[in-house]
Amino acid sequence: MALILGVETSCDETAAAVVQDGRRILSNVVASQIALHEPYGGVFPEVASRQHVLAVVPVIRQALRDAGADWPDLAAVAVTHGPGLAGSLLVGLNSAKAVAWMRGLPLVGINHLEGHVYSNWLDPRRPGNEATVNTRDSMPPQFPALVLIVSGGHTELVLMREHCSYERLGGTLDDAAGEAFDKVARLLGLGYPGGPATQRAAEGGDPAAFPLPRAWLPGTYDFSFSGLKTAALRLVERDSKEAKVKDLAASFQMAVADVLVEKTRQAAEATGARHVCVCGGVAANKVLRQEMQTRLAVPVSVPPLFLCTDNAAMVACAGHYRYVRGERAGWDLDVVANLKLV
């Protein structure tokens, strides 16, 4: 039985978790900063870094208490070292280094995007909740697995033929899906964060009310959402009364989901993927989840909502698979704000 402590501070969430054997979540503590950044309409990097400094030690201690674990029970410490905000990443990395060095534990550096990928390998039950889950949903993905990563800063399609091995098939050429949601939410005055705000506004709206464009980019698995964002802006500028908020939010949401799902479906067919995994903050979107399950012919895994947004359980899970491969980080491990997965 291997327990991994995960630490995640890549953006505006201070998180720590303990995961057993890369599967069972024993604890998953997240200190959110949404209320601090809401007045700015986005993450204020300096504020985020300072809040991480205040929160990181209490969060790590709480994760150990919730897991019923102590330092001698741990096999390793896994920590995000990129991509993300450099100041935020430094707080988590240096904290993880300190506890690993003091307790004589191996250190494992994790790419934040890989963490999101491995959210699909975690048991979907919350810590301490033994409620029955759908057997199919609780089974780990099968290889080869196609992974759609959709978050505030990233939209990528990658193929996994085995653990910790990635082949990039395509990605966004401009805005990530999450960025597009945030920008359109601001246009419509819906608030921050944009994804949940847009989903709430779209309830009861007509997704076919506005024929918004889809950038299909034939022959590629790339994405582009800048034209869609601009089309939404033009509608708002032309006549704010005509562009009913509910209908525009619903139409925009469907346009994003339509492209994400169709590109994923095409890639799954072309690669012979046995499983499709969706991960990242945008994976929490209800329409995207429904369309993925309905339109794809292979099994689809989407993490429960609490594992879609930034958390440390996913970092600990990824750390488990790196740890069992014998990977260890040196004490000179540094943050890389633009770290690539592939």
C-alpha atoms as a PDB file:
ATOM      1  CA  MET A   1       0.000   0.000   0.000  1.00  0.00           C
ATOM      2  CA  ALA A   2       1.627   3.255  -1.177  1.00  0.00           C
ATOM      3  CA  LEU A   3       0.348   6.603   0.073  1.00  0.00           C
ATOM      4  CA  ILE A   4       1.296   9.676  -1.949  1.00  0.00           C
ATOM      5  CA  LEU A   5       0.905  13.227  -0.662  1.00  0.00           C
ATOM      6  CA  GLY A   6       0.008  15.594  -3.493  1.00  0.00           C
ATOM      7  CA  VAL A   7       0.476  19.381  -3.414  1.00  0.00           C
ATOM      8  CA  GLU A   8      -1.068  21.711  -6.011  1.00  0.00           C
ATOM      9  CA  THR A   9      -0.715  25.529  -6.218  1.00  0.00           C
ATOM     10  CA  SER A  10      -0.495  26.221  -9.943  1.00  0.00           C
ATOM     11  CA  CYS A  11      -3.077  29.011 -10.026  1.00  0.00           C
ATOM     12  CA  ASP A  12      -5.577  30.147  -7.391  1.00  0.00           C
ATOM     13  CA  GLU A  13      -6.383  26.959  -5.455  1.00  0.00           C
ATOM     14  CA  THR A  14      -4.210  25.808  -2.545  1.00  0.00           C
ATOM     15  CA  ALA A  15      -4.652  22.044  -2.433  1.00  0.00           C
ATOM     16  CA  ALA A  16      -3.228  18.953  -0.755  1.00  0.00           C
ATOM     17  CA  ALA A  17      -4.404  15.341  -0.840  1.00  0.00           C
ATOM     18  CA  VAL A  18      -3.407  11.830   0.137  1.00  0.00           C
ATOM     19  CA  VAL A  19      -4.086   9.048  -2.379  1.00  0.00           C
ATOM     20  CA  GLN A  20      -3.604   5.318  -1.853  1.00  0.00           C
ATOM     21  CA  ASP A  21      -2.131   3.206  -4.688  1.00  0.00           C
ATOM     22  CA  GLY A  22      -2.980   5.855  -7.274  1.00  0.00           C
ATOM     23  CA  ARG A  23      -6.663   5.100  -6.922  1.00  0.00           C
ATOM     24  CA  ARG A  24      -8.357   5.677  -3.572  1.00  0.00           C
ATOM     25  CA  ILE A  25      -8.690   9.251  -2.314  1.00  0.00           C
ATOM     26  CA  LEU A  26      -8.085   9.322   1.431  1.00  0.00           C
ATOM     27  CA  SER A  27      -8.240  13.109   1.651  1.00  0.00           C
ATOM     28  CA  ASN A  28      -8.640  16.016  -0.768  1.00  0.00           C
ATOM     29  CA  VAL A  29      -8.415  19.506   0.723  1.00  0.00           C
ATOM     30  CA  VAL A  30      -8.856  22.621  -1.435  1.00  0.00           C
ATOM     31  CA  ALA A  31      -8.678  26.217  -0.185  1.00  0.00           C
ATOM     32  CA  SER A  32     -10.406  28.281  -2.871  1.00  0.00           C
ATOM     33  CA  GLN A  33      -9.519  31.878  -3.701  1.00  0.00           C
ATOM     34  CA  ILE A  34     -12.531  32.635  -5.927  1.00  0.00           C
ATOM     35  CA  ALA A  35     -13.899  35.311  -3.586  1.00  0.00           C
ATOM     36  CA  LEU A  36     -10.520  37.108  -3.557  1.00  0.00           C
ATOM     37  CA  HIS A  37     -10.250  37.303  -7.350  1.00  0.00           C
ATOM     38  CA  GLU A  38     -13.905  37.874  -8.254  1.00  0.00           C
ATOM     39  CA  PRO A  39     -13.631  41.707  -8.027  1.00  0.00           C
ATOM     40  CA  TYR A  40     -10.882  41.597 -10.691  1.00  0.00           C
ATOM     41  CA  GLY A  41     -12.832  39.361 -13.087  1.00  0.00           C
ATOM     42  CA  GLY A  42      -9.901  36.935 -13.167  1.00  0.00           C
ATOM     43  CA  VAL A  43      -6.911  35.706 -11.197  1.00  0.00           C
ATOM     44  CA  PHE A  44      -4.645  38.441  -9.796  1.00  0.00           C
ATOM     45  CA  PRO A  45      -1.222  36.681  -9.672  1.00  0.00           C
ATOM     46  CA  GLU A  46       0.290  38.615  -6.762  1.00  0.00           C
ATOM     47  CA  VAL A  47      -2.801  38.115  -4.612  1.00  0.00           C
ATOM     48  CA  ALA A  48      -2.810  34.399  -5.471  1.00  0.00           C
ATOM     49  CA  SER A  49       0.827  33.931  -4.442  1.00  0.00           C
ATOM     50  CA  ARG A  50       0.381  35.665  -1.103  1.00  0.00           C
ATOM     51  CA  GLN A  51      -2.724  33.636  -0.287  1.00  0.00           C
ATOM     52  CA  HIS A  52      -0.904  30.385  -1.094  1.00  0.00           C
ATOM     53  CA  VAL A  53       1.787  31.340   1.446  1.00  0.00           C
ATOM     54  CA  LEU A  54      -0.892  31.712   4.122  1.00  0.00           C
ATOM     55  CA  ALA A  55      -2.830  28.571   3.238  1.00  0.00           C
ATOM     56  CA  VAL A  56      -0.341  25.911   2.144  1.00  0.00           C
ATOM     57  CA  VAL A  57       0.845  24.623   5.548  1.00  0.00           C
ATOM     58  CA  PRO A  58      -2.650  24.409   7.110  1.00  0.00           C
ATOM     59  CA  VAL A  59      -3.948  22.680   3.975  1.00  0.00           C
ATOM     60  CA  ILE A  60      -1.181  20.043   4.029  1.00  0.00           C
ATOM     61  CA  ARG A  61      -1.762  19.392   7.733  1.00  0.00           C
ATOM     62  CA  GLN A  62      -5.503  19.059   7.145  1.00  0.00           C
ATOM     63  CA  ALA A  63      -4.931  16.584   4.302  1.00  0.00           C
ATOM     64  CA  LEU A  64      -2.871  14.345   6.593  1.00  0.00           C
ATOM     65  CA  ARG A  65      -5.443  14.576   9.391  1.00  0.00           C
ATOM     66  CA  ASP A  66      -8.359  13.799   7.070  1.00  0.00           C
ATOM     67  CA  ALA A  67      -6.492  10.781   5.684  1.00  0.00           C
ATOM     68  CA  GLY A  68      -5.672   9.481   9.168  1.00  0.00           C
ATOM     69  CA  ALA A  69      -2.041   9.402   8.063  1.00  0.00           C
ATOM     70  CA  ASP A  70       1.284  10.578   9.472  1.00  0.00           C
ATOM     71  CA  TRP A  71       4.589  11.291   7.778  1.00  0.00           C
ATOM     72  CA  PRO A  72       6.013   7.754   8.217  1.00  0.00           C
ATOM     73  CA  ASP A  73       2.982   6.391   6.322  1.00  0.00           C
ATOM     74  CA  LEU A  74       3.864   8.280   3.133  1.00  0.00           C
ATOM     75  CA  ALA A  75       5.846   6.805   0.253  1.00  0.00           C
ATOM     76  CA  ALA A  76       6.521  10.104  -1.547  1.00  0.00           C
ATOM     77  CA  VAL A  77       5.482  13.717  -2.079  1.00  0.00           C
ATOM     78  CA  ALA A  78       4.205  14.712  -5.527  1.00  0.00           C
ATOM     79  CA  VAL A  79       3.993  18.390  -6.459  1.00  0.00           C
ATOM     80  CA  THR A  80       2.970  20.463  -9.468  1.00  0.00           C
ATOM     81  CA  HIS A  81       5.930  22.381 -10.921  1.00  0.00           C
ATOM     82  CA  GLY A  82       4.241  23.688 -14.087  1.00  0.00           C
ATOM     83  CA  PRO A  83       2.518  24.985 -16.083  1.00  0.00           C
ATOM     84  CA  GLY A  84       0.890  27.811 -14.174  1.00  0.00           C
ATOM     85  CA  LEU A  85       1.631  31.117 -12.480  1.00  0.00           C
ATOM     86  CA  ALA A  86       5.299  31.152 -11.500  1.00  0.00           C
ATOM     87  CA  GLY A  87       4.731  32.789  -8.112  1.00  0.00           C
ATOM     88  CA  SER A  88       1.957  30.382  -7.192  1.00  0.00           C
ATOM     89  CA  LEU A  89       3.934  27.344  -8.334  1.00  0.00           C
ATOM     90  CA  LEU A  90       6.942  28.374  -6.241  1.00  0.00           C
ATOM     91  CA  VAL A  91       4.935  28.298  -3.022  1.00  0.00           C
ATOM     92  CA  GLY A  92       3.760  24.735  -3.537  1.00  0.00           C
ATOM     93  CA  LEU A  93       7.073  23.432  -4.877  1.00  0.00           C
ATOM     94  CA  ASN A  94       9.167  24.900  -2.074  1.00  0.00           C
ATOM     95  CA  SER A  95       6.705  23.667   0.548  1.00  0.00           C
ATOM     96  CA  ALA A  96       6.785  20.153  -0.919  1.00  0.00           C
ATOM     97  CA  LYS A  97      10.579  20.212  -1.052  1.00  0.00           C
ATOM     98  CA  ALA A  98      10.751  21.284   2.570  1.00  0.00           C
ATOM     99  CA  VAL A  99       8.516  18.532   3.926  1.00  0.00           C
ATOM    100  CA  ALA A 100      10.084  15.873   1.681  1.00  0.00           C
ATOM    101  CA  TRP A 101      13.611  16.824   2.769  1.00  0.00           C
ATOM    102  CA  MET A 102      12.741  17.042   6.471  1.00  0.00           C
ATOM    103  CA  ARG A 103      10.930  13.682   6.435  1.00  0.00           C
ATOM    104  CA  GLY A 104      13.351  11.869   4.132  1.00  0.00           C
ATOM    105  CA  LEU A 105      10.711  11.287   1.429  1.00  0.00           C
ATOM    106  CA  PRO A 106      11.212  11.072  -2.333  1.00  0.00           C
ATOM    107  CA  LEU A 107      10.028  14.077  -4.350  1.00  0.00           C
ATOM    108  CA  VAL A 108       8.138  13.627  -7.639  1.00  0.00           C
ATOM    109  CA  GLY A 109       7.543  16.576  -9.979  1.00  0.00           C
ATOM    110  CA  ILE A 110       4.230  16.596 -11.841  1.00  0.00           C
ATOM    111  CA  ASN A 111       2.971  18.453 -14.892  1.00  0.00           C
ATOM    112  CA  HIS A 112      -0.354  20.098 -13.998  1.00  0.00           C
ATOM    113  CA  LEU A 113      -1.934  18.851 -17.239  1.00  0.00           C
ATOM    114  CA  GLU A 114      -0.843  15.292 -16.461  1.00  0.00           C
ATOM    115  CA  GLY A 115      -2.576  15.707 -13.137  1.00  0.00           C
ATOM    116  CA  HIS A 116      -5.817  16.544 -14.929  1.00  0.00           C
ATOM    117  CA  VAL A 117      -5.352  13.498 -17.162  1.00  0.00           C
ATOM    118  CA  TYR A 118      -5.019  11.215 -14.134  1.00  0.00           C
ATOM    119  CA  SER A 119      -8.176  12.565 -12.526  1.00  0.00           C
ATOM    120  CA  ASN A 120      -9.802   9.894 -14.698  1.00  0.00           C
ATOM    121  CA  TRP A 121      -7.898   7.105 -12.910  1.00  0.00           C
ATOM    122  CA  LEU A 122      -9.101   8.055  -9.434  1.00  0.00           C
ATOM    123  CA  ASP A 123     -11.981   6.285  -7.710  1.00  0.00           C
ATOM    124  CA  PRO A 124     -14.815   8.801  -8.307  1.00  0.00           C
ATOM    125  CA  ARG A 125     -16.124   8.564  -4.747  1.00  0.00           C
ATOM    126  CA  ARG A 126     -15.434  11.413  -2.358  1.00  0.00           C
ATOM    127  CA  PRO A 127     -13.253  10.591   0.668  1.00  0.00           C
ATOM    128  CA  GLY A 128     -15.357   8.878   3.320  1.00  0.00           C
ATOM    129  CA  ASN A 129     -18.326   8.430   0.970  1.00  0.00           C
ATOM    130  CA  GLU A 130     -18.892   4.744   0.301  1.00  0.00           C
ATOM    131  CA  ALA A 131     -22.024   5.314  -1.790  1.00  0.00           C
ATOM    132  CA  THR A 132     -22.349   2.954  -4.729  1.00  0.00           C
ATOM    133  CA  VAL A 133     -21.192   4.316  -8.080  1.00  0.00           C
ATOM    134  CA  ASN A 134     -21.868   3.043 -11.563  1.00  0.00           C
ATOM    135  CA  THR A 135     -19.511   0.108 -12.224  1.00  0.00           C
ATOM    136  CA  ARG A 136     -18.597   1.405 -15.668  1.00  0.00           C
ATOM    137  CA  ASP A 137     -17.806   4.862 -14.265  1.00  0.00           C
ATOM    138  CA  SER A 138     -15.585   3.372 -11.540  1.00  0.00           C
ATOM    139  CA  MET A 139     -13.408   1.321 -13.902  1.00  0.00           C
ATOM    140  CA  PRO A 140     -10.027   2.806 -14.908  1.00  0.00           C
ATOM    141  CA  PRO A 141      -9.721   3.783 -18.602  1.00  0.00           C
ATOM    142  CA  GLN A 142      -8.360   1.226 -21.053  1.00  0.00           C
ATOM    143  CA  PHE A 143      -5.464   1.866 -23.445  1.00  0.00           C
ATOM    144  CA  PRO A 144      -5.155   3.242 -26.008  1.00  0.00           C
ATOM    145  CA  ALA A 145      -7.020   6.154 -24.446  1.00  0.00           C
ATOM    146  CA  LEU A 146      -7.818   9.454 -26.117  1.00  0.00           C
ATOM    147  CA  VAL A 147      -7.741  12.400 -23.705  1.00  0.00           C
ATOM    148  CA  LEU A 148      -9.389  15.786 -24.200  1.00  0.00           C
ATOM    149  CA  ILE A 149      -7.880  18.340 -21.817  1.00  0.00           C
ATOM    150  CA  VAL A 150     -10.128  21.401 -21.524  1.00  0.00           C
ATOM    151  CA  SER A 151      -9.343  24.075 -18.957  1.00  0.00           C
ATOM    152  CA  GLY A 152      -8.937  27.812 -18.582  1.00  0.00           C
ATOM    153  CA  GLY A 153      -5.572  27.857 -20.301  1.00  0.00           C
ATOM    154  CA  HIS A 154      -5.450  24.622 -22.303  1.00  0.00           C
ATOM    155  CA  THR A 155      -7.418  22.741 -24.932  1.00  0.00           C
ATOM    156  CA  GLU A 156      -5.549  19.686 -26.223  1.00  0.00           C
ATOM    157  CA  LEU A 157      -6.195  16.223 -27.639  1.00  0.00           C
ATOM    158  CA  VAL A 158      -3.588  13.624 -26.654  1.00  0.00           C
ATOM    159  CA  LEU A 159      -3.339   9.883 -27.186  1.00  0.00           C
ATOM    160  CA  MET A 160      -2.106   7.598 -24.389  1.00  0.00           C
ATOM    161  CA  ARG A 161      -0.905   4.117 -25.346  1.00  0.00           C
ATOM    162  CA  GLU A 162       0.385   3.423 -21.826  1.00  0.00           C
ATOM    163  CA  HIS A 163       0.839   5.209 -18.523  1.00  0.00           C
ATOM    164  CA  CYS A 164       2.835   8.459 -18.616  1.00  0.00           C
ATOM    165  CA  SER A 165       3.150   8.330 -22.426  1.00  0.00           C
ATOM    166  CA  TYR A 166       1.528  11.041 -24.554  1.00  0.00           C
ATOM    167  CA  GLU A 167       1.172  11.789 -28.249  1.00  0.00           C
ATOM    168  CA  ARG A 168      -0.216  15.222 -29.019  1.00  0.00           C
ATOM    169  CA  LEU A 169      -2.813  15.147 -31.794  1.00  0.00           C
ATOM    170  CA  GLY A 170      -3.948  18.752 -31.723  1.00  0.00           C
ATOM    171  CA  GLY A 171      -4.668  21.786 -29.615  1.00  0.00           C
ATOM    172  CA  THR A 172      -6.000  25.302 -29.623  1.00  0.00           C
ATOM    173  CA  LEU A 173      -4.544  27.819 -32.058  1.00  0.00           C
ATOM    174  CA  ASP A 174      -5.720  30.797 -29.990  1.00  0.00           C
ATOM    175  CA  ASP A 175      -8.036  30.930 -26.984  1.00  0.00           C
ATOM    176  CA  ALA A 176      -8.539  27.825 -24.881  1.00  0.00           C
ATOM    177  CA  ALA A 177     -12.161  26.790 -24.333  1.00  0.00           C
ATOM    178  CA  GLY A 178     -12.087  28.026 -20.735  1.00  0.00           C
ATOM    179  CA  GLU A 179     -10.686  31.404 -21.785  1.00  0.00           C
ATOM    180  CA  ALA A 180     -13.483  31.758 -24.328  1.00  0.00           C
ATOM    181  CA  PHE A 181     -16.072  31.020 -21.633  1.00  0.00           C
ATOM    182  CA  ASP A 182     -14.523  33.640 -19.326  1.00  0.00           C
ATOM    183  CA  LYS A 183     -14.403  36.325 -22.022  1.00  0.00           C
ATOM    184  CA  VAL A 184     -17.966  35.770 -23.238  1.00  0.00           C
ATOM    185  CA  ALA A 185     -19.214  35.690 -19.651  1.00  0.00           C
ATOM    186  CA  ARG A 186     -17.653  39.132 -19.138  1.00  0.00           C
ATOM    187  CA  LEU A 187     -19.302  40.395 -22.332  1.00  0.00           C
ATOM    188  CA  LEU A 188     -22.668  39.254 -21.034  1.00  0.00           C
ATOM    189  CA  GLY A 189     -22.061  40.580 -17.527  1.00  0.00           C
ATOM    190  CA  LEU A 190     -22.392  37.114 -16.005  1.00  0.00           C
ATOM    191  CA  GLY A 191     -19.522  37.270 -13.519  1.00  0.00           C
ATOM    192  CA  TYR A 192     -16.519  35.107 -12.659  1.00  0.00           C
ATOM    193  CA  PRO A 193     -15.647  32.267 -13.121  1.00  0.00           C
ATOM    194  CA  GLY A 194     -17.090  32.325 -16.618  1.00  0.00           C
ATOM    195  CA  GLY A 195     -17.781  28.623 -17.167  1.00  0.00           C
ATOM    196  CA  PRO A 196     -20.216  28.039 -14.298  1.00  0.00           C
ATOM    197  CA  ALA A 197     -21.744  31.498 -14.812  1.00  0.00           C
ATOM    198  CA  THR A 198     -22.432  30.786 -18.487  1.00  0.00           C
ATOM    199  CA  GLN A 199     -23.936  27.384 -17.702  1.00  0.00           C
ATOM    200  CA  ARG A 200     -26.286  28.942 -15.156  1.00  0.00           C
ATOM    201  CA  ALA A 201     -27.306  31.695 -17.579  1.00  0.00           C
ATOM    202  CA  ALA A 202     -27.927  29.148 -20.350  1.00  0.00           C
ATOM    203  CA  GLU A 203     -30.531  27.259 -18.315  1.00  0.00           C
ATOM    204  CA  GLY A 204     -33.825  27.688 -20.162  1.00  0.00           C
ATOM    205  CA  GLY A 205     -32.109  29.309 -23.144  1.00  0.00           C
ATOM    206  CA  ASP A 206     -32.394  28.167 -26.761  1.00  0.00           C
ATOM    207  CA  PRO A 207     -29.067  26.709 -27.996  1.00  0.00           C
ATOM    208  CA  ALA A 208     -30.232  27.175 -31.604  1.00  0.00           C
ATOM    209  CA  ALA A 209     -31.298  30.813 -31.170  1.00  0.00           C
ATOM    210  CA  PHE A 210     -28.102  32.233 -32.675  1.00  0.00           C
ATOM    211  CA  PRO A 211     -26.233  30.479 -35.537  1.00  0.00           C
ATOM    212  CA  LEU A 212     -22.783  31.003 -34.054  1.00  0.00           C
ATOM    213  CA  PRO A 213     -19.785  29.825 -36.125  1.00  0.00           C
ATOM    214  CA  ARG A 214     -17.839  26.600 -35.598  1.00  0.00           C
ATOM    215  CA  ALA A 215     -14.172  26.551 -36.626  1.00  0.00           C
ATOM    216  CA  TRP A 216     -13.835  22.990 -37.946  1.00  0.00           C
ATOM    217  CA  LEU A 217     -10.274  23.338 -39.342  1.00  0.00           C
ATOM    218  CA  PRO A 218     -10.667  20.293 -41.643  1.00  0.00           C
ATOM    219  CA  GLY A 219      -7.872  17.753 -41.709  1.00  0.00           C
ATOM    220  CA  THR A 220      -6.621  18.638 -38.226  1.00  0.00           C
ATOM    221  CA  TYR A 221      -7.494  17.992 -34.612  1.00  0.00           C
ATOM    222  CA  ASP A 222      -6.827  21.627 -33.744  1.00  0.00           C
ATOM    223  CA  PHE A 223      -9.284  24.073 -32.207  1.00  0.00           C
ATOM    224  CA  SER A 224      -9.997  27.783 -32.578  1.00  0.00           C
ATOM    225  CA  PHE A 225     -12.456  29.764 -30.483  1.00  0.00           C
ATOM    226  CA  SER A 226     -11.443  33.353 -31.301  1.00  0.00           C
ATOM    227  CA  GLY A 227     -13.954  33.636 -34.149  1.00  0.00           C
ATOM    228  CA  LEU A 228     -16.747  32.330 -31.955  1.00  0.00           C
ATOM    229  CA  LYS A 229     -15.847  34.823 -29.246  1.00  0.00           C
ATOM    230  CA  THR A 230     -15.823  37.666 -31.793  1.00  0.00           C
ATOM    231  CA  ALA A 231     -19.206  36.605 -33.192  1.00  0.00           C
ATOM    232  CA  ALA A 232     -20.671  36.773 -29.685  1.00  0.00           C
ATOM    233  CA  LEU A 233     -19.155  40.227 -29.214  1.00  0.00           C
ATOM    234  CA  ARG A 234     -20.703  41.466 -32.483  1.00  0.00           C
ATOM    235  CA  LEU A 235     -24.144  40.248 -31.388  1.00  0.00           C
ATOM    236  CA  VAL A 236     -23.864  42.100 -28.083  1.00  0.00           C
ATOM    237  CA  GLU A 237     -22.597  45.280 -29.771  1.00  0.00           C
ATOM    238  CA  ARG A 238     -25.254  45.214 -32.490  1.00  0.00           C
ATOM    239  CA  ASP A 239     -28.266  45.080 -30.246  1.00  0.00           C
ATOM    240  CA  SER A 240     -28.031  44.115 -26.597  1.00  0.00           C
ATOM    241  CA  LYS A 241     -31.796  43.681 -26.413  1.00  0.00           C
ATOM    242  CA  GLU A 242     -31.855  41.338 -29.405  1.00  0.00           C
ATOM    243  CA  ALA A 243     -29.025  39.272 -27.997  1.00  0.00           C
ATOM    244  CA  LYS A 244     -31.011  37.780 -25.165  1.00  0.00           C
ATOM    245  CA  VAL A 245     -28.567  36.656 -22.510  1.00  0.00           C
ATOM    246  CA  LYS A 246     -30.075  33.216 -21.916  1.00  0.00           C
ATOM    247  CA  ASP A 247     -30.255  32.359 -25.614  1.00  0.00           C
ATOM    248  CA  LEU A 248     -26.804  33.723 -26.400  1.00  0.00           C
ATOM    249  CA  ALA A 249     -25.249  31.868 -23.454  1.00  0.00           C
ATOM    250  CA  ALA A 250     -26.951  28.641 -24.534  1.00  0.00           C
ATOM    251  CA  SER A 251     -25.934  29.104 -28.186  1.00  0.00           C
ATOM    252  CA  PHE A 252     -22.334  29.855 -27.260  1.00  0.00           C
ATOM    253  CA  GLN A 253     -22.129  26.897 -24.880  1.00  0.00           C
ATOM    254  CA  MET A 254     -23.466  24.530 -27.534  1.00  0.00           C
ATOM    255  CA  ALA A 255     -21.070  25.864 -30.178  1.00  0.00           C
ATOM    256  CA  VAL A 256     -18.074  25.152 -27.923  1.00  0.00           C
ATOM    257  CA  ALA A 257     -19.346  21.695 -26.972  1.00  0.00           C
ATOM    258  CA  ASP A 258     -20.173  20.830 -30.587  1.00  0.00           C
ATOM    259  CA  VAL A 259     -16.607  21.407 -31.788  1.00  0.00           C
ATOM    260  CA  LEU A 260     -14.991  19.706 -28.799  1.00  0.00           C
ATOM    261  CA  VAL A 261     -17.171  16.616 -29.135  1.00  0.00           C
ATOM    262  CA  GLU A 262     -16.941  16.255 -32.901  1.00  0.00           C
ATOM    263  CA  LYS A 263     -13.149  16.660 -32.990  1.00  0.00           C
ATOM    264  CA  THR A 264     -12.837  14.098 -30.196  1.00  0.00           C
ATOM    265  CA  ARG A 265     -15.178  11.683 -31.993  1.00  0.00           C
ATOM    266  CA  GLN A 266     -13.162  11.942 -35.213  1.00  0.00           C
ATOM    267  CA  ALA A 267      -9.855  11.420 -33.374  1.00  0.00           C
ATOM    268  CA  ALA A 268     -11.218   8.411 -31.488  1.00  0.00           C
ATOM    269  CA  GLU A 269     -12.273   6.755 -34.742  1.00  0.00           C
ATOM    270  CA  ALA A 270      -8.989   7.519 -36.508  1.00  0.00           C
ATOM    271  CA  THR A 271      -6.751   6.278 -33.677  1.00  0.00           C
ATOM    272  CA  GLY A 272      -8.798   3.247 -32.650  1.00  0.00           C
ATOM    273  CA  ALA A 273      -9.011   4.493 -29.089  1.00  0.00           C
ATOM    274  CA  ARG A 274     -10.749   2.090 -26.702  1.00  0.00           C
ATOM    275  CA  HIS A 275     -11.617   4.813 -24.229  1.00  0.00           C
ATOM    276  CA  VAL A 276     -12.093   8.593 -24.207  1.00  0.00           C
ATOM    277  CA  CYS A 277     -11.211  10.678 -21.151  1.00  0.00           C
ATOM    278  CA  VAL A 278     -12.298  14.291 -20.648  1.00  0.00           C
ATOM    279  CA  CYS A 279     -10.613  16.394 -17.968  1.00  0.00           C
ATOM    280  CA  GLY A 280      -9.975  19.938 -16.808  1.00  0.00           C
ATOM    281  CA  GLY A 281     -12.244  22.656 -15.494  1.00  0.00           C
ATOM    282  CA  VAL A 282     -14.415  22.857 -18.615  1.00  0.00           C
ATOM    283  CA  ALA A 283     -15.157  19.126 -18.232  1.00  0.00           C
ATOM    284  CA  ALA A 284     -17.559  20.194 -15.481  1.00  0.00           C
ATOM    285  CA  ASN A 285     -19.854  21.708 -18.122  1.00  0.00           C
ATOM    286  CA  LYS A 286     -23.150  19.818 -18.184  1.00  0.00           C
ATOM    287  CA  VAL A 287     -23.766  20.130 -21.943  1.00  0.00           C
ATOM    288  CA  LEU A 288     -20.256  18.940 -22.812  1.00  0.00           C
ATOM    289  CA  ARG A 289     -20.605  15.924 -20.516  1.00  0.00           C
ATOM    290  CA  GLN A 290     -23.989  15.000 -21.975  1.00  0.00           C
ATOM    291  CA  GLU A 291     -22.904  15.410 -25.599  1.00  0.00           C
ATOM    292  CA  MET A 292     -19.750  13.333 -25.042  1.00  0.00           C
ATOM    293  CA  GLN A 293     -21.737  10.457 -23.547  1.00  0.00           C
ATOM    294  CA  THR A 294     -24.376  10.607 -26.282  1.00  0.00           C
ATOM    295  CA  ARG A 295     -22.310  11.035 -29.445  1.00  0.00           C
ATOM    296  CA  LEU A 296     -19.243   8.837 -28.891  1.00  0.00           C
ATOM    297  CA  ALA A 297     -19.245   5.116 -29.657  1.00  0.00           C
ATOM    298  CA  VAL A 298     -16.553   4.159 -27.110  1.00  0.00           C
ATOM    299  CA  PRO A 299     -16.715   4.422 -23.296  1.00  0.00           C
ATOM    300  CA  VAL A 300     -16.255   7.971 -22.023  1.00  0.00           C
ATOM    301  CA  SER A 301     -14.811   8.883 -18.620  1.00  0.00           C
ATOM    302  CA  VAL A 302     -15.472  12.311 -17.114  1.00  0.00           C
ATOM    303  CA  PRO A 303     -14.377  12.907 -13.500  1.00  0.00           C
ATOM    304  CA  PRO A 304     -16.931  13.980 -10.901  1.00  0.00           C
ATOM    305  CA  LEU A 305     -17.214  17.737 -10.569  1.00  0.00           C
ATOM    306  CA  PHE A 306     -14.922  17.958  -7.523  1.00  0.00           C
ATOM    307  CA  LEU A 307     -12.081  16.414  -9.566  1.00  0.00           C
ATOM    308  CA  CYS A 308     -12.565  18.586 -12.683  1.00  0.00           C
ATOM    309  CA  THR A 309     -11.309  21.796 -11.124  1.00  0.00           C
ATOM    310  CA  ASP A 310      -7.773  22.115  -9.731  1.00  0.00           C
ATOM    311  CA  ASN A 311      -7.121  19.701  -6.869  1.00  0.00           C
ATOM    312  CA  ALA A 312      -4.226  17.739  -5.373  1.00  0.00           C
ATOM    313  CA  ALA A 313      -5.743  14.254  -5.578  1.00  0.00           C
ATOM    314  CA  MET A 314      -5.053  14.249  -9.313  1.00  0.00           C
ATOM    315  CA  VAL A 315      -1.445  15.324  -8.635  1.00  0.00           C
ATOM    316  CA  ALA A 316      -1.001  12.512  -6.112  1.00  0.00           C
ATOM    317  CA  CYS A 317      -2.490  10.026  -8.583  1.00  0.00           C
ATOM    318  CA  ALA A 318      -0.107  11.094 -11.359  1.00  0.00           C
ATOM    319  CA  GLY A 319       2.682  11.026  -8.795  1.00  0.00           C
ATOM    320  CA  HIS A 320       1.893   7.391  -7.994  1.00  0.00           C
ATOM    321  CA  TYR A 321       2.435   6.301 -11.585  1.00  0.00           C
ATOM    322  CA  ARG A 322       5.670   8.295 -11.838  1.00  0.00           C
ATOM    323  CA  TYR A 323       6.827   6.929  -8.475  1.00  0.00           C
ATOM    324  CA  VAL A 324       6.278   3.256  -9.388  1.00  0.00           C
ATOM    325  CA  ARG A 325       8.292   3.871 -12.574  1.00  0.00           C
ATOM    326  CA  GLY A 326      11.205   4.823 -10.346  1.00  0.00           C
ATOM    327  CA  GLU A 327      11.135   8.532 -11.171  1.00  0.00           C
ATOM    328  CA  ARG A 328      12.495  10.911  -8.552  1.00  0.00           C
ATOM    329  CA  ALA A 329      13.058  14.670  -8.738  1.00  0.00           C
ATOM    330  CA  GLY A 330      16.248  16.312  -7.530  1.00  0.00           C
ATOM    331  CA  TRP A 331      16.311  19.122  -4.993  1.00  0.00           C
ATOM    332  CA  ASP A 332      17.092  21.436  -7.906  1.00  0.00           C
ATOM    333  CA  LEU A 333      13.618  20.881  -9.401  1.00  0.00           C
ATOM    334  CA  ASP A 334      12.318  24.288 -10.491  1.00  0.00           C
ATOM    335  CA  VAL A 335       9.021  25.722 -11.664  1.00  0.00           C
ATOM    336  CA  VAL A 336       8.356  25.995 -15.401  1.00  0.00           C
ATOM    337  CA  ALA A 337       5.441  28.344 -16.037  1.00  0.00           C
ATOM    338  CA  ASN A 338       4.943  27.145 -19.629  1.00  0.00           C
ATOM    339  CA  LEU A 339       5.761  23.467 -19.068  1.00  0.00           C
ATOM    340  CA  LYS A 340       4.519  21.271 -21.943  1.00  0.00           C
ATOM    341  CA  LEU A 341       2.911  17.866 -21.553  1.00  0.00           C
ATOM    342  CA  VAL A 342       4.299  16.652 -24.886  1.00  0.00           C
END
